[in-house]
Amino acid sequence: MIPEQIDALGVSTDIVTAAAAFGIGTSTAYAAAQNGTFPTRVIKVGSRYVVPTADLKAALGLSGAA
């Protein structure tokens, strides 16, 4: 993903999109979310995992990260 794509995500994104930004696979992302080792904060909403975009930007070192 390029920074412009991440900027267009809004306030949060799903774990699959966040994983793509980090260059990790879906299975690895879900496993990391479950065991608490995903590179950013992950919020479980029902059966979904949500990643705050500000946390994603900060972890990737993008300017404008909150």
Protein backbone atom coordinates (compact mmCIF):
# COMPACT_ATOMS: atom_id res chain seq x y z
CA MET A 1 0.00 0.00 0.00
CA ILE A 2 1.11 3.54 -0.66
CA PRO A 3 0.66 6.37 1.87
CA GLU A 4 -2.17 7.91 -0.16
CA GLN A 5 -4.15 4.67 0.08
CA ILE A 6 -3.68 4.60 3.84
CA ASP A 7 -4.75 8.26 4.10
CA ALA A 8 -7.98 7.35 2.28
CA LEU A 9 -8.94 4.62 4.77
CA GLY A 10 -10.86 6.79 7.21
CA VAL A 11 -10.79 6.42 10.99
CA SER A 12 -10.31 2.66 11.07
CA THR A 13 -9.80 -0.31 8.80
CA ASP A 14 -10.16 -4.06 8.88
CA ILE A 15 -7.29 -6.31 9.86
CA VAL A 16 -6.83 -7.67 6.33
CA THR A 17 -6.16 -4.16 4.97
CA ALA A 18 -3.84 -3.34 7.88
CA ALA A 19 -1.97 -6.58 7.31
CA ALA A 20 -1.49 -5.68 3.64
CA ALA A 21 0.02 -2.35 4.70
CA PHE A 22 2.55 -4.24 6.84
CA GLY A 23 3.16 -6.83 4.13
CA ILE A 24 1.95 -9.76 6.21
CA GLY A 25 -0.54 -12.44 5.27
CA THR A 26 -4.11 -12.74 6.46
CA SER A 27 -3.56 -15.90 8.53
CA THR A 28 -0.55 -14.38 10.25
CA ALA A 29 -2.50 -11.19 10.96
CA TYR A 30 -5.41 -13.03 12.57
CA ALA A 31 -3.04 -15.17 14.65
CA ALA A 32 -1.15 -12.06 15.79
CA ALA A 33 -4.40 -10.29 16.70
CA GLN A 34 -5.52 -13.28 18.74
CA ASN A 35 -2.26 -13.58 20.67
CA GLY A 36 -1.66 -9.84 21.08
CA THR A 37 1.39 -9.50 18.82
CA PHE A 38 -0.11 -7.54 15.91
CA PRO A 39 2.08 -4.44 15.32
CA THR A 40 -0.75 -2.04 16.27
CA ARG A 41 -3.68 -1.88 18.62
CA VAL A 42 -6.48 -4.18 17.44
CA ILE A 43 -10.05 -3.74 18.65
CA LYS A 44 -12.39 -6.71 18.56
CA VAL A 45 -15.91 -5.67 17.54
CA GLY A 46 -18.14 -8.71 17.65
CA SER A 47 -16.35 -11.22 15.44
CA ARG A 48 -14.38 -8.54 13.54
CA TYR A 49 -10.97 -7.07 14.22
CA VAL A 50 -10.65 -3.31 13.62
CA VAL A 51 -7.40 -1.35 13.45
CA PRO A 52 -7.39 2.42 14.12
CA THR A 53 -5.85 4.15 11.11
CA ALA A 54 -3.91 6.59 13.33
CA ASP A 55 -2.17 3.62 15.00
CA LEU A 56 -1.44 2.11 11.58
CA LYS A 57 0.11 5.37 10.35
CA ALA A 58 2.20 5.74 13.50
CA ALA A 59 3.52 2.18 13.27
CA LEU A 60 4.45 2.72 9.63
CA GLY A 61 6.18 6.03 10.44
CA LEU A 62 3.95 8.10 8.19
CA SER A 63 3.75 11.84 8.77
CA GLY A 64 0.49 13.15 10.14
CA ALA A 65 0.11 10.14 12.42
CA ALA A 66 -1.80 10.93 15.58
